[in-house]
Amino acid sequence: VRRIADYIAKKVGDRLKELYRDDRESYVRSWQDLGTFVKF
């Protein structure tokens, strides 16, 4: 279960980095909500 949790967290991080790299405007526009996840 811990390894599954680590896998999920990594996939979420990869998706955020992909959005930041490929669609910065959408990333910035969504930051008010995304920022809470990323900071937490």
PDB file of all heavy atoms in Angstrom:
ATOM      1  N   VAL A   1       0.837  -1.202   0.000  1.00  0.00           N
ATOM      2  CA  VAL A   1       0.000   0.000   0.000  1.00  0.00           C
ATOM      3  C   VAL A   1       0.874   1.255   0.000  1.00  0.00           C
ATOM      4  O   VAL A   1       0.588   2.229  -0.704  1.00  0.00           O
ATOM      5  CB  VAL A   1      -0.958   0.001   1.211  1.00  0.00           C
ATOM      6  CG1 VAL A   1      -1.675   1.341   1.338  1.00  0.00           C
ATOM      7  CG2 VAL A   1      -1.969  -1.129   1.074  1.00  0.00           C
ATOM      8  N   ARG A   2       1.955   1.230   0.782  1.00  0.00           N
ATOM      9  CA  ARG A   2       2.854   2.393   0.809  1.00  0.00           C
ATOM     10  C   ARG A   2       3.498   2.598  -0.559  1.00  0.00           C
ATOM     11  O   ARG A   2       3.663   3.736  -1.010  1.00  0.00           O
ATOM     12  CB  ARG A   2       3.931   2.207   1.879  1.00  0.00           C
ATOM     13  CG  ARG A   2       3.416   2.287   3.304  1.00  0.00           C
ATOM     14  CD  ARG A   2       4.538   2.637   4.286  1.00  0.00           C
ATOM     15  NE  ARG A   2       5.673   1.733   4.181  1.00  0.00           N
ATOM     16  CZ  ARG A   2       5.797   0.596   4.852  1.00  0.00           C
ATOM     17  NH1 ARG A   2       4.828   0.214   5.680  1.00  0.00           N
ATOM     18  NH2 ARG A   2       6.870  -0.169   4.711  1.00  0.00           N
ATOM     19  N   ARG A   3       3.862   1.518  -1.216  1.00  0.00           N
ATOM     20  CA  ARG A   3       4.472   1.639  -2.549  1.00  0.00           C
ATOM     21  C   ARG A   3       3.454   2.153  -3.570  1.00  0.00           C
ATOM     22  O   ARG A   3       3.802   2.932  -4.465  1.00  0.00           O
ATOM     23  CB  ARG A   3       5.031   0.286  -2.994  1.00  0.00           C
ATOM     24  CG  ARG A   3       6.222  -0.162  -2.144  1.00  0.00           C
ATOM     25  CD  ARG A   3       6.619  -1.588  -2.458  1.00  0.00           C
ATOM     26  NE  ARG A   3       7.235  -1.706  -3.775  1.00  0.00           N
ATOM     27  CZ  ARG A   3       7.520  -2.872  -4.350  1.00  0.00           C
ATOM     28  NH1 ARG A   3       7.230  -4.007  -3.724  1.00  0.00           N
ATOM     29  NH2 ARG A   3       8.076  -2.910  -5.540  1.00  0.00           N
ATOM     30  N   ILE A   4       2.212   1.728  -3.439  1.00  0.00           N
ATOM     31  CA  ILE A   4       1.160   2.243  -4.315  1.00  0.00           C
ATOM     32  C   ILE A   4       0.976   3.739  -4.086  1.00  0.00           C
ATOM     33  O   ILE A   4       0.831   4.521  -5.035  1.00  0.00           O
ATOM     34  CB  ILE A   4      -0.159   1.475  -4.081  1.00  0.00           C
ATOM     35  CG1 ILE A   4      -0.032   0.041  -4.618  1.00  0.00           C
ATOM     36  CG2 ILE A   4      -1.333   2.189  -4.742  1.00  0.00           C
ATOM     37  CD1 ILE A   4      -1.230  -0.848  -4.315  1.00  0.00           C
ATOM     38  N   ALA A   5       0.986   4.161  -2.813  1.00  0.00           N
ATOM     39  CA  ALA A   5       0.846   5.589  -2.494  1.00  0.00           C
ATOM     40  C   ALA A   5       1.997   6.389  -3.101  1.00  0.00           C
ATOM     41  O   ALA A   5       1.786   7.483  -3.655  1.00  0.00           O
ATOM     42  CB  ALA A   5       0.793   5.775  -0.979  1.00  0.00           C
ATOM     43  N   ASP A   6       3.222   5.849  -3.025  1.00  0.00           N
ATOM     44  CA  ASP A   6       4.374   6.533  -3.621  1.00  0.00           C
ATOM     45  C   ASP A   6       4.224   6.631  -5.139  1.00  0.00           C
ATOM     46  O   ASP A   6       4.560   7.659  -5.747  1.00  0.00           O
ATOM     47  CB  ASP A   6       5.670   5.777  -3.280  1.00  0.00           C
ATOM     48  CG  ASP A   6       6.059   5.916  -1.817  1.00  0.00           C
ATOM     49  OD1 ASP A   6       5.551   6.840  -1.151  1.00  0.00           O
ATOM     50  OD2 ASP A   6       6.866   5.088  -1.344  1.00  0.00           O
ATOM     51  N   TYR A   7       3.722   5.555  -5.737  1.00  0.00           N
ATOM     52  CA  TYR A   7       3.512   5.554  -7.195  1.00  0.00           C
ATOM     53  C   TYR A   7       2.507   6.625  -7.598  1.00  0.00           C
ATOM     54  O   TYR A   7       2.729   7.377  -8.558  1.00  0.00           O
ATOM     55  CB  TYR A   7       3.032   4.171  -7.635  1.00  0.00           C
ATOM     56  CG  TYR A   7       2.398   4.139  -9.006  1.00  0.00           C
ATOM     57  CD1 TYR A   7       3.168   4.199 -10.163  1.00  0.00           C
ATOM     58  CD2 TYR A   7       1.007   4.064  -9.147  1.00  0.00           C
ATOM     59  CE1 TYR A   7       2.586   4.179 -11.418  1.00  0.00           C
ATOM     60  CE2 TYR A   7       0.414   4.043 -10.394  1.00  0.00           C
ATOM     61  CZ  TYR A   7       1.203   4.104 -11.531  1.00  0.00           C
ATOM     62  OH  TYR A   7       0.613   4.097 -12.767  1.00  0.00           O
ATOM     63  N   ILE A   8       1.409   6.715  -6.858  1.00  0.00           N
ATOM     64  CA  ILE A   8       0.370   7.707  -7.167  1.00  0.00           C
ATOM     65  C   ILE A   8       0.930   9.118  -7.037  1.00  0.00           C
ATOM     66  O   ILE A   8       0.708   9.979  -7.902  1.00  0.00           O
ATOM     67  CB  ILE A   8      -0.850   7.507  -6.250  1.00  0.00           C
ATOM     68  CG1 ILE A   8      -1.538   6.166  -6.574  1.00  0.00           C
ATOM     69  CG2 ILE A   8      -1.844   8.655  -6.394  1.00  0.00           C
ATOM     70  CD1 ILE A   8      -2.606   5.772  -5.575  1.00  0.00           C
ATOM     71  N   ALA A   9       1.683   9.371  -5.951  1.00  0.00           N
ATOM     72  CA  ALA A   9       2.266  10.700  -5.748  1.00  0.00           C
ATOM     73  C   ALA A   9       3.220  11.061  -6.886  1.00  0.00           C
ATOM     74  O   ALA A   9       3.227  12.197  -7.387  1.00  0.00           O
ATOM     75  CB  ALA A   9       2.991  10.749  -4.409  1.00  0.00           C
ATOM     76  N   LYS A  10       4.030  10.086  -7.328  1.00  0.00           N
ATOM     77  CA  LYS A  10       4.973  10.357  -8.416  1.00  0.00           C
ATOM     78  C   LYS A  10       4.237  10.653  -9.718  1.00  0.00           C
ATOM     79  O   LYS A  10       4.615  11.563 -10.472  1.00  0.00           O
ATOM     80  CB  LYS A  10       5.913   9.168  -8.608  1.00  0.00           C
ATOM     81  CG  LYS A  10       6.989   9.426  -9.672  1.00  0.00           C
ATOM     82  CD  LYS A  10       7.918   8.242  -9.846  1.00  0.00           C
ATOM     83  CE  LYS A  10       9.047   8.580 -10.825  1.00  0.00           C
ATOM     84  NZ  LYS A  10       8.539   9.054 -12.137  1.00  0.00           N
ATOM     85  N   LYS A  11       3.192   9.894 -10.002  1.00  0.00           N
ATOM     86  CA  LYS A  11       2.416  10.140 -11.226  1.00  0.00           C
ATOM     87  C   LYS A  11       1.777  11.523 -11.209  1.00  0.00           C
ATOM     88  O   LYS A  11       1.722  12.206 -12.232  1.00  0.00           O
ATOM     89  CB  LYS A  11       1.341   9.056 -11.381  1.00  0.00           C
ATOM     90  CG  LYS A  11       1.881   7.682 -11.742  1.00  0.00           C
ATOM     91  CD  LYS A  11       2.442   7.636 -13.160  1.00  0.00           C
ATOM     92  CE  LYS A  11       1.364   7.733 -14.206  1.00  0.00           C
ATOM     93  NZ  LYS A  11       1.878   7.580 -15.576  1.00  0.00           N
ATOM     94  N   VAL A  12       1.290  11.938 -10.043  1.00  0.00           N
ATOM     95  CA  VAL A  12       0.702  13.277  -9.927  1.00  0.00           C
ATOM     96  C   VAL A  12       1.777  14.333 -10.167  1.00  0.00           C
ATOM     97  O   VAL A  12       1.567  15.306 -10.902  1.00  0.00           O
ATOM     98  CB  VAL A  12       0.052  13.455  -8.539  1.00  0.00           C
ATOM     99  CG1 VAL A  12      -0.298  14.921  -8.298  1.00  0.00           C
ATOM    100  CG2 VAL A  12      -1.204  12.595  -8.427  1.00  0.00           C
ATOM    101  N   GLY A  13       2.958  14.135  -9.559  1.00  0.00           N
ATOM    102  CA  GLY A  13       4.053  15.088  -9.767  1.00  0.00           C
ATOM    103  C   GLY A  13       4.477  15.157 -11.225  1.00  0.00           C
ATOM    104  O   GLY A  13       4.717  16.246 -11.767  1.00  0.00           O
ATOM    105  N   ASP A  14       4.566  14.001 -11.883  1.00  0.00           N
ATOM    106  CA  ASP A  14       4.935  13.973 -13.304  1.00  0.00           C
ATOM    107  C   ASP A  14       3.917  14.725 -14.156  1.00  0.00           C
ATOM    108  O   ASP A  14       4.284  15.446 -15.090  1.00  0.00           O
ATOM    109  CB  ASP A  14       5.029  12.525 -13.792  1.00  0.00           C
ATOM    110  CG  ASP A  14       6.244  11.797 -13.238  1.00  0.00           C
ATOM    111  OD1 ASP A  14       7.165  12.473 -12.755  1.00  0.00           O
ATOM    112  OD2 ASP A  14       6.252  10.546 -13.277  1.00  0.00           O
ATOM    113  N   ARG A  15       2.644  14.554 -13.820  1.00  0.00           N
ATOM    114  CA  ARG A  15       1.589  15.228 -14.604  1.00  0.00           C
ATOM    115  C   ARG A  15       1.667  16.737 -14.437  1.00  0.00           C
ATOM    116  O   ARG A  15       1.490  17.492 -15.398  1.00  0.00           O
ATOM    117  CB  ARG A  15       0.216  14.711 -14.151  1.00  0.00           C
ATOM    118  CG  ARG A  15      -0.952  15.358 -14.891  1.00  0.00           C
ATOM    119  CD  ARG A  15      -1.006  14.908 -16.337  1.00  0.00           C
ATOM    120  NE  ARG A  15      -2.136  15.487 -17.034  1.00  0.00           N
ATOM    121  CZ  ARG A  15      -2.077  16.611 -17.760  1.00  0.00           C
ATOM    122  NH1 ARG A  15      -0.926  17.258 -17.888  1.00  0.00           N
ATOM    123  NH2 ARG A  15      -3.152  17.075 -18.365  1.00  0.00           N
ATOM    124  N   LEU A  16       1.951  17.200 -13.225  1.00  0.00           N
ATOM    125  CA  LEU A  16       2.070  18.635 -12.978  1.00  0.00           C
ATOM    126  C   LEU A  16       3.271  19.219 -13.722  1.00  0.00           C
ATOM    127  O   LEU A  16       3.186  20.296 -14.321  1.00  0.00           O
ATOM    128  CB  LEU A  16       2.190  18.899 -11.482  1.00  0.00           C
ATOM    129  CG  LEU A  16       0.937  18.620 -10.648  1.00  0.00           C
ATOM    130  CD1 LEU A  16       1.247  18.674  -9.161  1.00  0.00           C
ATOM    131  CD2 LEU A  16      -0.172  19.612 -10.985  1.00  0.00           C
ATOM    132  N   LYS A  17       4.381  18.498 -13.702  1.00  0.00           N
ATOM    133  CA  LYS A  17       5.567  18.978 -14.419  1.00  0.00           C
ATOM    134  C   LYS A  17       5.322  19.012 -15.918  1.00  0.00           C
ATOM    135  O   LYS A  17       5.778  19.923 -16.620  1.00  0.00           O
ATOM    136  CB  LYS A  17       6.760  18.075 -14.086  1.00  0.00           C
ATOM    137  CG  LYS A  17       7.262  18.237 -12.657  1.00  0.00           C
ATOM    138  CD  LYS A  17       8.248  17.162 -12.266  1.00  0.00           C
ATOM    139  CE  LYS A  17       9.554  17.279 -12.982  1.00  0.00           C
ATOM    140  NZ  LYS A  17      10.540  16.278 -12.503  1.00  0.00           N
ATOM    141  N   GLU A  18       4.597  18.022 -16.407  1.00  0.00           N
ATOM    142  CA  GLU A  18       4.257  17.984 -17.831  1.00  0.00           C
ATOM    143  C   GLU A  18       3.405  19.198 -18.215  1.00  0.00           C
ATOM    144  O   GLU A  18       3.644  19.844 -19.241  1.00  0.00           O
ATOM    145  CB  GLU A  18       3.498  16.693 -18.130  1.00  0.00           C
ATOM    146  CG  GLU A  18       3.015  16.569 -19.566  1.00  0.00           C
ATOM    147  CD  GLU A  18       2.083  15.378 -19.758  1.00  0.00           C
ATOM    148  OE1 GLU A  18       1.658  14.772 -18.751  1.00  0.00           O
ATOM    149  OE2 GLU A  18       1.756  15.074 -20.914  1.00  0.00           O
ATOM    150  N   LEU A  19       2.432  19.527 -17.380  1.00  0.00           N
ATOM    151  CA  LEU A  19       1.583  20.680 -17.671  1.00  0.00           C
ATOM    152  C   LEU A  19       2.389  21.973 -17.610  1.00  0.00           C
ATOM    153  O   LEU A  19       2.223  22.858 -18.458  1.00  0.00           O
ATOM    154  CB  LEU A  19       0.428  20.738 -16.661  1.00  0.00           C
ATOM    155  CG  LEU A  19      -0.601  21.834 -16.895  1.00  0.00           C
ATOM    156  CD1 LEU A  19      -1.382  21.577 -18.180  1.00  0.00           C
ATOM    157  CD2 LEU A  19      -1.578  21.927 -15.715  1.00  0.00           C
ATOM    158  N   TYR A  20       3.271  22.082 -16.624  1.00  0.00           N
ATOM    159  CA  TYR A  20       4.105  23.287 -16.487  1.00  0.00           C
ATOM    160  C   TYR A  20       4.985  23.467 -17.715  1.00  0.00           C
ATOM    161  O   TYR A  20       5.182  24.584 -18.201  1.00  0.00           O
ATOM    162  CB  TYR A  20       4.958  23.161 -15.228  1.00  0.00           C
ATOM    163  CG  TYR A  20       5.847  24.355 -14.949  1.00  0.00           C
ATOM    164  CD1 TYR A  20       5.335  25.503 -14.349  1.00  0.00           C
ATOM    165  CD2 TYR A  20       7.204  24.330 -15.276  1.00  0.00           C
ATOM    166  CE1 TYR A  20       6.149  26.589 -14.086  1.00  0.00           C
ATOM    167  CE2 TYR A  20       8.024  25.417 -15.022  1.00  0.00           C
ATOM    168  CZ  TYR A  20       7.485  26.543 -14.415  1.00  0.00           C
ATOM    169  OH  TYR A  20       8.294  27.628 -14.161  1.00  0.00           O
ATOM    170  N   ARG A  21       5.492  22.358 -18.224  1.00  0.00           N
ATOM    171  CA  ARG A  21       6.385  22.410 -19.381  1.00  0.00           C
ATOM    172  C   ARG A  21       5.635  22.668 -20.685  1.00  0.00           C
ATOM    173  O   ARG A  21       6.077  23.475 -21.513  1.00  0.00           O
ATOM    174  CB  ARG A  21       7.153  21.089 -19.475  1.00  0.00           C
ATOM    175  CG  ARG A  21       8.143  21.022 -20.630  1.00  0.00           C
ATOM    176  CD  ARG A  21       8.728  19.627 -20.768  1.00  0.00           C
ATOM    177  NE  ARG A  21       7.721  18.672 -21.223  1.00  0.00           N
ATOM    178  CZ  ARG A  21       7.382  17.582 -20.553  1.00  0.00           C
ATOM    179  NH1 ARG A  21       7.952  17.305 -19.387  1.00  0.00           N
ATOM    180  NH2 ARG A  21       6.464  16.751 -21.034  1.00  0.00           N
ATOM    181  N   ASP A  22       4.492  22.006 -20.860  1.00  0.00           N
ATOM    182  CA  ASP A  22       3.822  22.016 -22.161  1.00  0.00           C
ATOM    183  C   ASP A  22       2.705  23.044 -22.292  1.00  0.00           C
ATOM    184  O   ASP A  22       2.356  23.441 -23.401  1.00  0.00           O
ATOM    185  CB  ASP A  22       3.245  20.623 -22.463  1.00  0.00           C
ATOM    186  CG  ASP A  22       4.325  19.558 -22.543  1.00  0.00           C
ATOM    187  OD1 ASP A  22       5.495  19.922 -22.768  1.00  0.00           O
ATOM    188  OD2 ASP A  22       3.997  18.370 -22.379  1.00  0.00           O
ATOM    189  N   ASP A  23       2.112  23.448 -21.176  1.00  0.00           N
ATOM    190  CA  ASP A  23       0.987  24.385 -21.244  1.00  0.00           C
ATOM    191  C   ASP A  23       1.047  25.314 -20.032  1.00  0.00           C
ATOM    192  O   ASP A  23       0.236  25.245 -19.123  1.00  0.00           O
ATOM    193  CB  ASP A  23      -0.344  23.612 -21.269  1.00  0.00           C
ATOM    194  CG  ASP A  23      -1.530  24.510 -21.601  1.00  0.00           C
ATOM    195  OD1 ASP A  23      -1.339  25.739 -21.711  1.00  0.00           O
ATOM    196  OD2 ASP A  23      -2.651  23.983 -21.726  1.00  0.00           O
ATOM    197  N   ARG A  24       2.061  26.187 -20.040  1.00  0.00           N
ATOM    198  CA  ARG A  24       2.302  27.060 -18.889  1.00  0.00           C
ATOM    199  C   ARG A  24       1.093  27.926 -18.562  1.00  0.00           C
ATOM    200  O   ARG A  24       0.794  28.137 -17.386  1.00  0.00           O
ATOM    201  CB  ARG A  24       3.516  27.951 -19.178  1.00  0.00           C
ATOM    202  CG  ARG A  24       3.951  28.847 -18.009  1.00  0.00           C
ATOM    203  CD  ARG A  24       4.677  28.075 -16.956  1.00  0.00           C
ATOM    204  NE  ARG A  24       5.786  27.322 -17.496  1.00  0.00           N
ATOM    205  CZ  ARG A  24       7.002  27.837 -17.757  1.00  0.00           C
ATOM    206  NH1 ARG A  24       7.239  29.107 -17.503  1.00  0.00           N
ATOM    207  NH2 ARG A  24       7.959  27.076 -18.253  1.00  0.00           N
ATOM    208  N   GLU A  25       0.406  28.392 -19.558  1.00  0.00           N
ATOM    209  CA  GLU A  25      -0.737  29.270 -19.294  1.00  0.00           C
ATOM    210  C   GLU A  25      -1.820  28.549 -18.487  1.00  0.00           C
ATOM    211  O   GLU A  25      -2.372  29.098 -17.532  1.00  0.00           O
ATOM    212  CB  GLU A  25      -1.323  29.799 -20.599  1.00  0.00           C
ATOM    213  CG  GLU A  25      -2.464  30.787 -20.372  1.00  0.00           C
ATOM    214  CD  GLU A  25      -2.967  31.411 -21.659  1.00  0.00           C
ATOM    215  OE1 GLU A  25      -2.224  31.400 -22.663  1.00  0.00           O
ATOM    216  OE2 GLU A  25      -4.107  31.906 -21.659  1.00  0.00           O
ATOM    217  N   SER A  26      -2.120  27.297 -18.862  1.00  0.00           N
ATOM    218  CA  SER A  26      -3.121  26.532 -18.108  1.00  0.00           C
ATOM    219  C   SER A  26      -2.634  26.272 -16.689  1.00  0.00           C
ATOM    220  O   SER A  26      -3.414  26.323 -15.726  1.00  0.00           O
ATOM    221  CB  SER A  26      -3.403  25.196 -18.808  1.00  0.00           C
ATOM    222  OG  SER A  26      -4.035  25.401 -20.045  1.00  0.00           O
ATOM    223  N   TYR A  27      -1.349  25.998 -16.545  1.00  0.00           N
ATOM    224  CA  TYR A  27      -0.775  25.759 -15.216  1.00  0.00           C
ATOM    225  C   TYR A  27      -0.920  27.002 -14.340  1.00  0.00           C
ATOM    226  O   TYR A  27      -1.378  26.916 -13.196  1.00  0.00           O
ATOM    227  CB  TYR A  27       0.693  25.378 -15.373  1.00  0.00           C
ATOM    228  CG  TYR A  27       1.386  25.005 -14.080  1.00  0.00           C
ATOM    229  CD1 TYR A  27       1.327  23.710 -13.586  1.00  0.00           C
ATOM    230  CD2 TYR A  27       2.118  25.943 -13.354  1.00  0.00           C
ATOM    231  CE1 TYR A  27       1.977  23.351 -12.410  1.00  0.00           C
ATOM    232  CE2 TYR A  27       2.767  25.608 -12.179  1.00  0.00           C
ATOM    233  CZ  TYR A  27       2.691  24.310 -11.714  1.00  0.00           C
ATOM    234  OH  TYR A  27       3.320  23.968 -10.537  1.00  0.00           O
ATOM    235  N   VAL A  28      -0.550  28.146 -14.900  1.00  0.00           N
ATOM    236  CA  VAL A  28      -0.637  29.405 -14.147  1.00  0.00           C
ATOM    237  C   VAL A  28      -2.092  29.729 -13.819  1.00  0.00           C
ATOM    238  O   VAL A  28      -2.422  30.127 -12.696  1.00  0.00           O
ATOM    239  CB  VAL A  28       0.018  30.550 -14.948  1.00  0.00           C
ATOM    240  CG1 VAL A  28      -0.254  31.899 -14.282  1.00  0.00           C
ATOM    241  CG2 VAL A  28       1.516  30.318 -15.077  1.00  0.00           C
ATOM    242  N   ARG A  29      -2.972  29.529 -14.789  1.00  0.00           N
ATOM    243  CA  ARG A  29      -4.386  29.844 -14.584  1.00  0.00           C
ATOM    244  C   ARG A  29      -4.991  28.968 -13.487  1.00  0.00           C
ATOM    245  O   ARG A  29      -5.899  29.395 -12.767  1.00  0.00           O
ATOM    246  CB  ARG A  29      -5.150  29.660 -15.894  1.00  0.00           C
ATOM    247  CG  ARG A  29      -6.569  30.224 -15.878  1.00  0.00           C
ATOM    248  CD  ARG A  29      -7.232  30.023 -17.224  1.00  0.00           C
ATOM    249  NE  ARG A  29      -6.565  30.739 -18.273  1.00  0.00           N
ATOM    250  CZ  ARG A  29      -6.732  32.033 -18.529  1.00  0.00           C
ATOM    251  NH1 ARG A  29      -7.562  32.745 -17.783  1.00  0.00           N
ATOM    252  NH2 ARG A  29      -6.083  32.619 -19.516  1.00  0.00           N
ATOM    253  N   SER A  30      -4.495  27.763 -13.356  1.00  0.00           N
ATOM    254  CA  SER A  30      -5.049  26.824 -12.376  1.00  0.00           C
ATOM    255  C   SER A  30      -4.327  26.874 -11.026  1.00  0.00           C
ATOM    256  O   SER A  30      -4.692  26.135 -10.113  1.00  0.00           O
ATOM    257  CB  SER A  30      -4.963  25.389 -12.923  1.00  0.00           C
ATOM    258  OG  SER A  30      -5.610  25.261 -14.161  1.00  0.00           O
ATOM    259  N   TRP A  31      -3.325  27.738 -10.909  1.00  0.00           N
ATOM    260  CA  TRP A  31      -2.453  27.671  -9.738  1.00  0.00           C
ATOM    261  C   TRP A  31      -3.177  27.935  -8.423  1.00  0.00           C
ATOM    262  O   TRP A  31      -2.815  27.366  -7.387  1.00  0.00           O
ATOM    263  CB  TRP A  31      -1.290  28.635  -9.888  1.00  0.00           C
ATOM    264  CG  TRP A  31      -0.355  28.556  -8.716  1.00  0.00           C
ATOM    265  CD1 TRP A  31      -0.169  29.473  -7.729  1.00  0.00           C
ATOM    266  CD2 TRP A  31       0.499  27.448  -8.386  1.00  0.00           C
ATOM    267  NE1 TRP A  31       0.751  29.026  -6.818  1.00  0.00           N
ATOM    268  CE2 TRP A  31       1.174  27.782  -7.193  1.00  0.00           C
ATOM    269  CE3 TRP A  31       0.747  26.211  -8.978  1.00  0.00           C
ATOM    270  CZ2 TRP A  31       2.088  26.924  -6.592  1.00  0.00           C
ATOM    271  CZ3 TRP A  31       1.653  25.364  -8.376  1.00  0.00           C
ATOM    272  CH2 TRP A  31       2.307  25.716  -7.197  1.00  0.00           C
ATOM    273  N   GLN A  32      -4.188  28.776  -8.437  1.00  0.00           N
ATOM    274  CA  GLN A  32      -4.885  29.064  -7.187  1.00  0.00           C
ATOM    275  C   GLN A  32      -5.398  27.778  -6.541  1.00  0.00           C
ATOM    276  O   GLN A  32      -5.415  27.639  -5.316  1.00  0.00           O
ATOM    277  CB  GLN A  32      -6.052  30.023  -7.434  1.00  0.00           C
ATOM    278  CG  GLN A  32      -6.749  30.448  -6.141  1.00  0.00           C
ATOM    279  CD  GLN A  32      -7.799  31.512  -6.388  1.00  0.00           C
ATOM    280  OE1 GLN A  32      -7.895  32.070  -7.472  1.00  0.00           O
ATOM    281  NE2 GLN A  32      -8.612  31.795  -5.384  1.00  0.00           N
ATOM    282  N   ASP A  33      -5.827  26.812  -7.359  1.00  0.00           N
ATOM    283  CA  ASP A  33      -6.277  25.522  -6.834  1.00  0.00           C
ATOM    284  C   ASP A  33      -5.136  24.509  -6.763  1.00  0.00           C
ATOM    285  O   ASP A  33      -4.982  23.806  -5.760  1.00  0.00           O
ATOM    286  CB  ASP A  33      -7.394  24.962  -7.719  1.00  0.00           C
ATOM    287  CG  ASP A  33      -8.635  25.843  -7.687  1.00  0.00           C
ATOM    288  OD1 ASP A  33      -9.354  25.804  -6.688  1.00  0.00           O
ATOM    289  OD2 ASP A  33      -8.865  26.569  -8.661  1.00  0.00           O
ATOM    290  N   LEU A  34      -4.323  24.454  -7.813  1.00  0.00           N
ATOM    291  CA  LEU A  34      -3.225  23.488  -7.830  1.00  0.00           C
ATOM    292  C   LEU A  34      -2.218  23.762  -6.723  1.00  0.00           C
ATOM    293  O   LEU A  34      -1.639  22.841  -6.148  1.00  0.00           O
ATOM    294  CB  LEU A  34      -2.496  23.533  -9.176  1.00  0.00           C
ATOM    295  CG  LEU A  34      -3.229  23.024 -10.415  1.00  0.00           C
ATOM    296  CD1 LEU A  34      -2.319  23.126 -11.624  1.00  0.00           C
ATOM    297  CD2 LEU A  34      -3.683  21.598 -10.216  1.00  0.00           C
ATOM    298  N   GLY A  35      -2.008  25.048  -6.432  1.00  0.00           N
ATOM    299  CA  GLY A  35      -0.994  25.417  -5.452  1.00  0.00           C
ATOM    300  C   GLY A  35      -1.226  24.784  -4.099  1.00  0.00           C
ATOM    301  O   GLY A  35      -0.276  24.425  -3.391  1.00  0.00           O
ATOM    302  N   THR A  36      -2.484  24.630  -3.713  1.00  0.00           N
ATOM    303  CA  THR A  36      -2.787  24.016  -2.420  1.00  0.00           C
ATOM    304  C   THR A  36      -2.290  22.575  -2.384  1.00  0.00           C
ATOM    305  O   THR A  36      -1.664  22.140  -1.415  1.00  0.00           O
ATOM    306  CB  THR A  36      -4.301  24.051  -2.156  1.00  0.00           C
ATOM    307  OG1 THR A  36      -4.741  25.403  -2.175  1.00  0.00           O
ATOM    308  CG2 THR A  36      -4.628  23.434  -0.807  1.00  0.00           C
ATOM    309  N   PHE A  37      -2.540  21.814  -3.455  1.00  0.00           N
ATOM    310  CA  PHE A  37      -2.061  20.433  -3.528  1.00  0.00           C
ATOM    311  C   PHE A  37      -0.533  20.389  -3.479  1.00  0.00           C
ATOM    312  O   PHE A  37       0.064  19.610  -2.728  1.00  0.00           O
ATOM    313  CB  PHE A  37      -2.524  19.770  -4.825  1.00  0.00           C
ATOM    314  CG  PHE A  37      -3.996  19.538  -4.917  1.00  0.00           C
ATOM    315  CD1 PHE A  37      -4.789  20.320  -5.724  1.00  0.00           C
ATOM    316  CD2 PHE A  37      -4.595  18.523  -4.202  1.00  0.00           C
ATOM    317  CE1 PHE A  37      -6.155  20.100  -5.824  1.00  0.00           C
ATOM    318  CE2 PHE A  37      -5.955  18.286  -4.293  1.00  0.00           C
ATOM    319  CZ  PHE A  37      -6.733  19.084  -5.104  1.00  0.00           C
ATOM    320  N   VAL A  38       0.089  21.217  -4.310  1.00  0.00           N
ATOM    321  CA  VAL A  38       1.543  21.165  -4.454  1.00  0.00           C
ATOM    322  C   VAL A  38       2.229  21.566  -3.147  1.00  0.00           C
ATOM    323  O   VAL A  38       3.193  20.925  -2.711  1.00  0.00           O
ATOM    324  CB  VAL A  38       1.998  22.073  -5.611  1.00  0.00           C
ATOM    325  CG1 VAL A  38       3.510  22.075  -5.725  1.00  0.00           C
ATOM    326  CG2 VAL A  38       1.383  21.607  -6.929  1.00  0.00           C
ATOM    327  N   LYS A  39       1.733  22.614  -2.509  1.00  0.00           N
ATOM    328  CA  LYS A  39       2.357  23.067  -1.254  1.00  0.00           C
ATOM    329  C   LYS A  39       2.113  22.070  -0.128  1.00  0.00           C
ATOM    330  O   LYS A  39       3.021  21.763   0.657  1.00  0.00           O
ATOM    331  CB  LYS A  39       1.813  24.449  -0.881  1.00  0.00           C
ATOM    332  CG  LYS A  39       2.271  25.548  -1.822  1.00  0.00           C
ATOM    333  CD  LYS A  39       1.592  26.873  -1.508  1.00  0.00           C
ATOM    334  CE  LYS A  39       2.005  27.943  -2.505  1.00  0.00           C
ATOM    335  NZ  LYS A  39       1.281  29.231  -2.268  1.00  0.00           N
ATOM    336  N   PHE A  40       0.893  21.574  -0.038  1.00  0.00           N
ATOM    337  CA  PHE A  40       0.572  20.592   1.000  1.00  0.00           C
ATOM    338  C   PHE A  40       1.420  19.341   0.803  1.00  0.00           C
ATOM    339  O   PHE A  40       1.929  18.749   1.761  1.00  0.00           O
ATOM    340  CB  PHE A  40      -0.924  20.262   0.945  1.00  0.00           C
ATOM    341  CG  PHE A  40      -1.430  19.527   2.159  1.00  0.00           C
ATOM    342  CD1 PHE A  40      -1.026  19.867   3.427  1.00  0.00           C
ATOM    343  CD2 PHE A  40      -2.332  18.485   2.016  1.00  0.00           C
ATOM    344  CE1 PHE A  40      -1.493  19.186   4.542  1.00  0.00           C
ATOM    345  CE2 PHE A  40      -2.814  17.786   3.122  1.00  0.00           C
ATOM    346  CZ  PHE A  40      -2.383  18.147   4.386  1.00  0.00           C
TER     347      PHE A  40
END
